[in-house]
Amino acid sequence: MVHEIESFRMNFSADQMTLLNYCLAFMMFGIALDMKFDNFRQVIRFPKSVIVGLASQWIILPILTVYLIHIWDPLPSIALGLLLVAACPGGNVSNYATHMSRGNAALSVTLSAFVMVTSIFATPYVFAGFAKFVPQVAPLLAKIDLPHGQILLMLVQIVLIPMILGMTVKHFFPTITTKIRKPINVISMMMFISFIIIAIYGELDNILKYLKYVLLLVIVHNLIALAAGYFWARWNKLPEADARAICMETGIQNSGLGMLMIFAFFHSLPGMLLVTAFWAIWDLVSSFILSVYWSKKIPSK
């Protein structure tokens, strides 16, 4: 019997998909204006913390996501949504959240840079690799025939090239970058939010109707991500400030990139879209609440 959620569809035209690609690429360009090539050399300052942070993002969170799926047993399309979110790179808000939390902001920026670059290869393979441990999603993936090459090409276009361009502009034109950085970040975010609002407006009633199937699950998943990042770092005996940074890097995901992948390759799986769309909202709420709490507490050693 087909579940009622499977009747929900969102179809985008080729022009809409192109516009979304440009929106996300512009966002990545704006994020890169906050980075510099020296961020990749910062690993010398935080070698252990960077390794622990990358492991938290690419290994610990996907493993815990698989366990959560086995315990919760959601619909296969919803399970795939959780796996995709866990395989997406951290969101750009993590740097601001870490700063608000009195965490190690330099480590946060370094991890963001490394995670974004490694996501070019890691995202499709982490997603497909850990999906093999969730048998109920196998029939869906078999129908889709996951196009690794197309996903890799898309990530190069949407993530890598804009990042290189943004960091190059910052390196050679620092004065101009200082003037345009904030306006570009604001404009790009507004463009993306406007696109999503317009895209889902016609399906708002259905989205609200089916949100009940993912609401609590996404909240639990996000709390697991935040807790995993923090306690994994502390278990590895990292300072409190580093643990707060890794917590935010693990708990805030680039759900916008996840939504683009869904529109491009998984548009027939509405459960994935609902999970990713609600994640995009909830991780901002949860990280803000945690940031406010931590902002009043000086990190211990």
Protein backbone atom coordinates (compact mmCIF):
# COMPACT_ATOMS: atom_id res chain seq x y z
CA MET A 1 0.00 0.00 0.00
CA VAL A 2 1.39 3.41 -1.00
CA HIS A 3 1.72 5.86 1.90
CA GLU A 4 -0.17 9.15 1.54
CA ILE A 5 3.07 11.14 1.70
CA GLU A 6 4.12 9.65 -1.64
CA SER A 7 1.30 11.57 -3.36
CA PHE A 8 3.10 14.84 -2.61
CA ARG A 9 5.11 16.14 -5.57
CA MET A 10 7.12 19.25 -6.35
CA ASN A 11 8.20 19.59 -9.95
CA PHE A 12 10.71 22.18 -11.13
CA SER A 13 11.27 23.27 -14.69
CA ALA A 14 14.75 23.36 -16.23
CA ASP A 15 14.78 27.17 -15.88
CA GLN A 16 13.91 26.95 -12.18
CA MET A 17 16.67 24.41 -11.60
CA THR A 18 19.18 26.65 -13.38
CA LEU A 19 18.11 29.59 -11.22
CA LEU A 20 18.52 27.51 -8.05
CA ASN A 21 22.00 26.47 -9.19
CA TYR A 22 22.98 30.09 -9.64
CA CYS A 23 21.51 31.04 -6.25
CA LEU A 24 23.53 28.37 -4.42
CA ALA A 25 26.71 29.12 -6.37
CA PHE A 26 26.35 32.80 -5.49
CA MET A 27 25.86 31.83 -1.83
CA MET A 28 29.05 29.74 -1.91
CA PHE A 29 30.91 32.64 -3.50
CA GLY A 30 29.74 34.90 -0.66
CA ILE A 31 30.79 32.34 1.96
CA ALA A 32 34.23 32.07 0.35
CA LEU A 33 34.72 35.83 0.71
CA ASP A 34 34.99 35.15 4.46
CA MET A 35 37.71 32.57 3.87
CA LYS A 36 41.31 32.75 2.78
CA PHE A 37 43.87 30.28 1.55
CA ASP A 38 45.60 30.54 4.91
CA ASN A 39 42.60 28.79 6.49
CA PHE A 40 43.87 25.53 5.02
CA ARG A 41 47.25 26.07 6.67
CA GLN A 42 45.54 26.58 10.03
CA VAL A 43 45.42 22.79 10.36
CA ILE A 44 49.00 23.13 11.64
CA ARG A 45 47.60 24.98 14.65
CA PHE A 46 44.76 22.52 15.29
CA PRO A 47 45.80 19.15 13.80
CA LYS A 48 44.00 16.95 16.29
CA SER A 49 40.92 19.17 16.44
CA VAL A 50 40.57 19.24 12.65
CA ILE A 51 40.85 15.43 12.42
CA VAL A 52 38.29 14.99 15.21
CA GLY A 53 35.98 17.54 13.56
CA LEU A 54 36.17 15.91 10.14
CA ALA A 55 35.54 12.49 11.69
CA SER A 56 32.52 13.91 13.51
CA GLN A 57 31.09 15.22 10.23
CA TRP A 58 31.84 12.38 7.84
CA ILE A 59 31.85 9.30 10.11
CA ILE A 60 30.19 9.77 13.51
CA LEU A 61 27.06 11.61 12.33
CA PRO A 62 26.32 9.17 9.45
CA ILE A 63 26.82 6.18 11.78
CA LEU A 64 24.43 7.62 14.37
CA THR A 65 21.97 8.44 11.59
CA VAL A 66 21.93 4.80 10.52
CA TYR A 67 21.25 3.71 14.10
CA LEU A 68 18.46 6.30 14.43
CA ILE A 69 16.82 5.01 11.25
CA HIS A 70 16.93 1.42 12.52
CA ILE A 71 15.39 2.45 15.84
CA TRP A 72 12.75 4.84 14.45
CA ASP A 73 12.00 2.88 11.24
CA PRO A 74 10.65 5.80 9.16
CA LEU A 75 9.43 5.59 5.59
CA PRO A 76 12.28 4.78 3.17
CA SER A 77 12.16 8.21 1.49
CA ILE A 78 12.36 9.90 4.90
CA ALA A 79 15.29 7.65 5.85
CA LEU A 80 17.08 8.72 2.67
CA GLY A 81 16.45 12.35 3.61
CA LEU A 82 18.17 11.83 6.96
CA LEU A 83 21.12 10.13 5.27
CA LEU A 84 21.45 12.94 2.73
CA VAL A 85 21.44 15.62 5.42
CA ALA A 86 24.11 13.71 7.33
CA ALA A 87 26.23 13.59 4.16
CA CYS A 88 25.96 17.30 3.37
CA PRO A 89 28.76 19.71 4.35
CA GLY A 90 28.28 22.01 7.34
CA GLY A 91 26.27 25.18 6.86
CA ASN A 92 27.86 28.61 6.68
CA VAL A 93 25.95 29.72 9.80
CA SER A 94 28.21 27.50 11.93
CA ASN A 95 30.97 30.13 12.02
CA TYR A 96 28.64 32.77 13.43
CA ALA A 97 27.09 30.29 15.86
CA THR A 98 30.56 29.27 17.09
CA HIS A 99 31.54 32.90 17.60
CA MET A 100 28.33 33.55 19.56
CA SER A 101 28.98 30.41 21.61
CA ARG A 102 32.47 31.56 22.65
CA GLY A 103 33.85 28.60 20.74
CA ASN A 104 37.07 28.41 18.75
CA ALA A 105 36.07 30.56 15.77
CA ALA A 106 39.38 29.99 13.95
CA LEU A 107 38.88 26.22 14.18
CA SER A 108 35.30 26.60 12.96
CA VAL A 109 36.39 28.50 9.84
CA THR A 110 39.16 25.97 9.18
CA LEU A 111 36.75 23.04 9.51
CA SER A 112 34.19 24.75 7.27
CA ALA A 113 36.82 25.19 4.57
CA PHE A 114 37.99 21.57 4.80
CA VAL A 115 34.48 20.13 4.94
CA MET A 116 33.31 22.13 1.93
CA VAL A 117 36.28 21.05 -0.16
CA THR A 118 36.08 17.40 0.90
CA SER A 119 32.31 17.40 0.29
CA ILE A 120 33.02 17.41 -3.45
CA PHE A 121 33.96 13.74 -3.11
CA ALA A 122 32.65 12.81 0.32
CA THR A 123 28.97 13.78 0.01
CA PRO A 124 27.91 11.33 -2.73
CA TYR A 125 30.01 8.46 -1.38
CA VAL A 126 29.12 8.96 2.29
CA PHE A 127 25.45 9.08 1.29
CA ALA A 128 25.60 5.97 -0.90
CA GLY A 129 28.00 4.12 1.40
CA PHE A 130 25.95 4.45 4.58
CA ALA A 131 22.68 3.84 2.68
CA LYS A 132 23.93 0.26 2.21
CA PHE A 133 23.43 -0.26 5.96
CA VAL A 134 19.74 0.66 5.64
CA PRO A 135 18.11 -2.22 3.69
CA GLN A 136 14.69 -0.58 3.36
CA VAL A 137 16.08 2.16 1.09
CA ALA A 138 17.71 -0.25 -1.37
CA PRO A 139 14.64 -0.53 -3.67
CA LEU A 140 14.44 3.27 -3.95
CA LEU A 141 18.12 3.65 -4.78
CA ALA A 142 17.85 0.83 -7.32
CA LYS A 143 15.11 2.74 -9.14
CA ILE A 144 17.10 5.98 -9.07
CA ASP A 145 20.47 4.50 -10.06
CA LEU A 146 22.43 7.14 -8.14
CA PRO A 147 24.45 9.17 -10.69
CA HIS A 148 27.76 9.67 -8.84
CA GLY A 149 29.38 11.38 -11.80
CA GLN A 150 26.57 13.91 -12.22
CA ILE A 151 26.51 14.65 -8.49
CA LEU A 152 30.28 15.17 -8.49
CA LEU A 153 30.03 17.54 -11.45
CA MET A 154 27.25 19.49 -9.77
CA LEU A 155 29.23 19.84 -6.53
CA VAL A 156 32.27 21.07 -8.48
CA GLN A 157 30.11 23.71 -10.17
CA ILE A 158 28.12 24.75 -7.10
CA VAL A 159 30.75 24.43 -4.36
CA LEU A 160 34.34 24.20 -5.59
CA ILE A 161 34.44 26.78 -8.39
CA PRO A 162 32.57 29.52 -6.44
CA MET A 163 34.80 28.83 -3.42
CA ILE A 164 37.98 29.22 -5.45
CA LEU A 165 36.66 32.39 -7.09
CA GLY A 166 35.60 33.92 -3.76
CA MET A 167 38.90 33.14 -2.02
CA THR A 168 40.84 34.45 -5.04
CA VAL A 169 38.91 37.73 -4.98
CA LYS A 170 39.56 38.05 -1.23
CA HIS A 171 43.28 37.35 -1.72
CA PHE A 172 43.91 39.82 -4.56
CA PHE A 173 41.30 42.48 -3.76
CA PRO A 174 41.01 42.63 0.06
CA THR A 175 39.73 46.22 0.15
CA ILE A 176 36.95 45.56 -2.33
CA THR A 177 36.11 42.30 -0.55
CA THR A 178 35.62 44.14 2.74
CA LYS A 179 33.06 46.40 1.07
CA ILE A 180 31.10 43.76 -0.85
CA ARG A 181 31.25 40.79 1.53
CA LYS A 182 28.27 41.60 3.74
CA PRO A 183 25.98 42.87 0.94
CA ILE A 184 26.71 39.76 -1.15
CA ASN A 185 26.01 37.43 1.78
CA VAL A 186 22.73 39.21 2.53
CA ILE A 187 21.64 39.34 -1.12
CA SER A 188 22.54 35.70 -1.78
CA MET A 189 20.68 34.51 1.31
CA MET A 190 17.62 36.59 0.41
CA MET A 191 17.70 35.24 -3.15
CA PHE A 192 17.82 31.66 -1.92
CA ILE A 193 15.09 32.12 0.69
CA SER A 194 12.87 33.91 -1.83
CA PHE A 195 13.32 31.09 -4.34
CA ILE A 196 12.38 28.44 -1.77
CA ILE A 197 9.35 30.43 -0.56
CA ILE A 198 8.07 30.92 -4.10
CA ALA A 199 8.77 27.28 -4.97
CA ILE A 200 6.87 25.83 -2.02
CA TYR A 201 4.07 28.41 -1.85
CA GLY A 202 1.79 26.43 -4.12
CA GLU A 203 2.35 23.28 -2.05
CA LEU A 204 2.24 24.91 1.38
CA ASP A 205 -0.96 23.15 2.46
CA ASN A 206 0.48 19.74 1.56
CA ILE A 207 3.80 20.52 3.24
CA LEU A 208 2.04 21.46 6.48
CA LYS A 209 -0.17 18.38 6.15
CA TYR A 210 2.77 15.97 5.86
CA LEU A 211 5.19 17.77 8.19
CA LYS A 212 3.93 15.63 11.08
CA TYR A 213 5.80 12.66 9.62
CA VAL A 214 9.20 14.34 9.97
CA LEU A 215 8.80 17.02 12.67
CA LEU A 216 9.90 15.11 15.78
CA LEU A 217 12.34 12.92 13.86
CA VAL A 218 14.25 15.91 12.46
CA ILE A 219 14.41 17.55 15.89
CA VAL A 220 15.83 14.36 17.42
CA HIS A 221 18.27 13.91 14.52
CA ASN A 222 19.55 17.47 14.91
CA LEU A 223 19.94 17.11 18.68
CA ILE A 224 21.91 13.92 18.09
CA ALA A 225 24.17 15.78 15.63
CA LEU A 226 24.84 18.61 18.09
CA ALA A 227 25.43 16.26 21.01
CA ALA A 228 27.61 13.94 18.93
CA GLY A 229 29.88 16.77 17.82
CA TYR A 230 30.32 18.08 21.36
CA PHE A 231 30.76 14.82 23.25
CA TRP A 232 32.92 13.22 20.54
CA ALA A 233 35.28 16.20 20.87
CA ARG A 234 35.31 16.05 24.67
CA TRP A 235 35.85 12.27 24.59
CA ASN A 236 38.93 13.00 22.50
CA LYS A 237 40.05 15.40 25.25
CA LEU A 238 39.74 18.58 23.21
CA PRO A 239 39.30 21.94 24.95
CA GLU A 240 35.79 23.17 25.61
CA ALA A 241 36.09 25.93 22.98
CA ASP A 242 37.07 23.38 20.32
CA ALA A 243 34.20 21.10 21.35
CA ARG A 244 31.73 23.95 20.91
CA ALA A 245 33.07 24.63 17.41
CA ILE A 246 32.83 20.96 16.39
CA CYS A 247 29.35 20.79 17.89
CA MET A 248 28.18 23.62 15.63
CA GLU A 249 30.00 22.26 12.58
CA THR A 250 28.28 18.89 13.02
CA GLY A 251 24.86 20.19 14.01
CA ILE A 252 24.44 22.78 11.24
CA GLN A 253 24.21 21.26 7.77
CA ASN A 254 24.02 22.82 4.30
CA SER A 255 20.41 21.80 3.76
CA GLY A 256 20.16 24.14 0.76
CA LEU A 257 22.67 21.98 -1.08
CA GLY A 258 20.71 18.91 0.00
CA MET A 259 17.50 20.38 -1.41
CA LEU A 260 19.23 21.11 -4.72
CA MET A 261 20.36 17.48 -4.94
CA ILE A 262 16.82 16.32 -4.19
CA PHE A 263 15.30 18.56 -6.87
CA ALA A 264 17.91 17.38 -9.37
CA PHE A 265 18.09 13.63 -8.63
CA PHE A 266 15.42 12.60 -6.10
CA HIS A 267 12.38 14.70 -7.04
CA SER A 268 10.16 11.61 -6.92
CA LEU A 269 10.87 11.13 -3.20
CA PRO A 270 8.87 13.75 -1.25
CA GLY A 271 9.96 12.39 2.14
CA MET A 272 13.53 13.48 1.39
CA LEU A 273 12.38 17.00 0.58
CA LEU A 274 10.32 17.35 3.76
CA VAL A 275 13.23 16.19 5.94
CA THR A 276 15.73 18.50 4.29
CA ALA A 277 13.43 21.52 4.20
CA PHE A 278 12.57 21.25 7.90
CA TRP A 279 16.25 20.61 8.78
CA ALA A 280 17.10 23.90 7.02
CA ILE A 281 14.84 25.73 9.45
CA TRP A 282 15.30 23.74 12.64
CA ASP A 283 19.10 23.64 12.77
CA LEU A 284 19.11 27.45 12.72
CA VAL A 285 16.67 27.54 15.64
CA SER A 286 18.50 24.94 17.73
CA SER A 287 21.96 26.42 17.10
CA PHE A 288 20.71 29.90 18.02
CA ILE A 289 19.24 28.64 21.30
CA LEU A 290 22.45 26.79 22.15
CA SER A 291 24.57 29.79 21.14
CA VAL A 292 22.64 32.09 23.46
CA TYR A 293 23.08 29.60 26.31
CA TRP A 294 26.81 29.19 25.73
CA SER A 295 27.36 32.90 25.21
CA LYS A 296 26.79 33.35 28.95
CA LYS A 297 29.27 30.64 29.91
CA ILE A 298 33.05 31.03 29.61
CA PRO A 299 34.54 27.83 28.13
CA SER A 300 36.43 25.61 30.54
CA LYS A 301 39.72 23.97 29.57
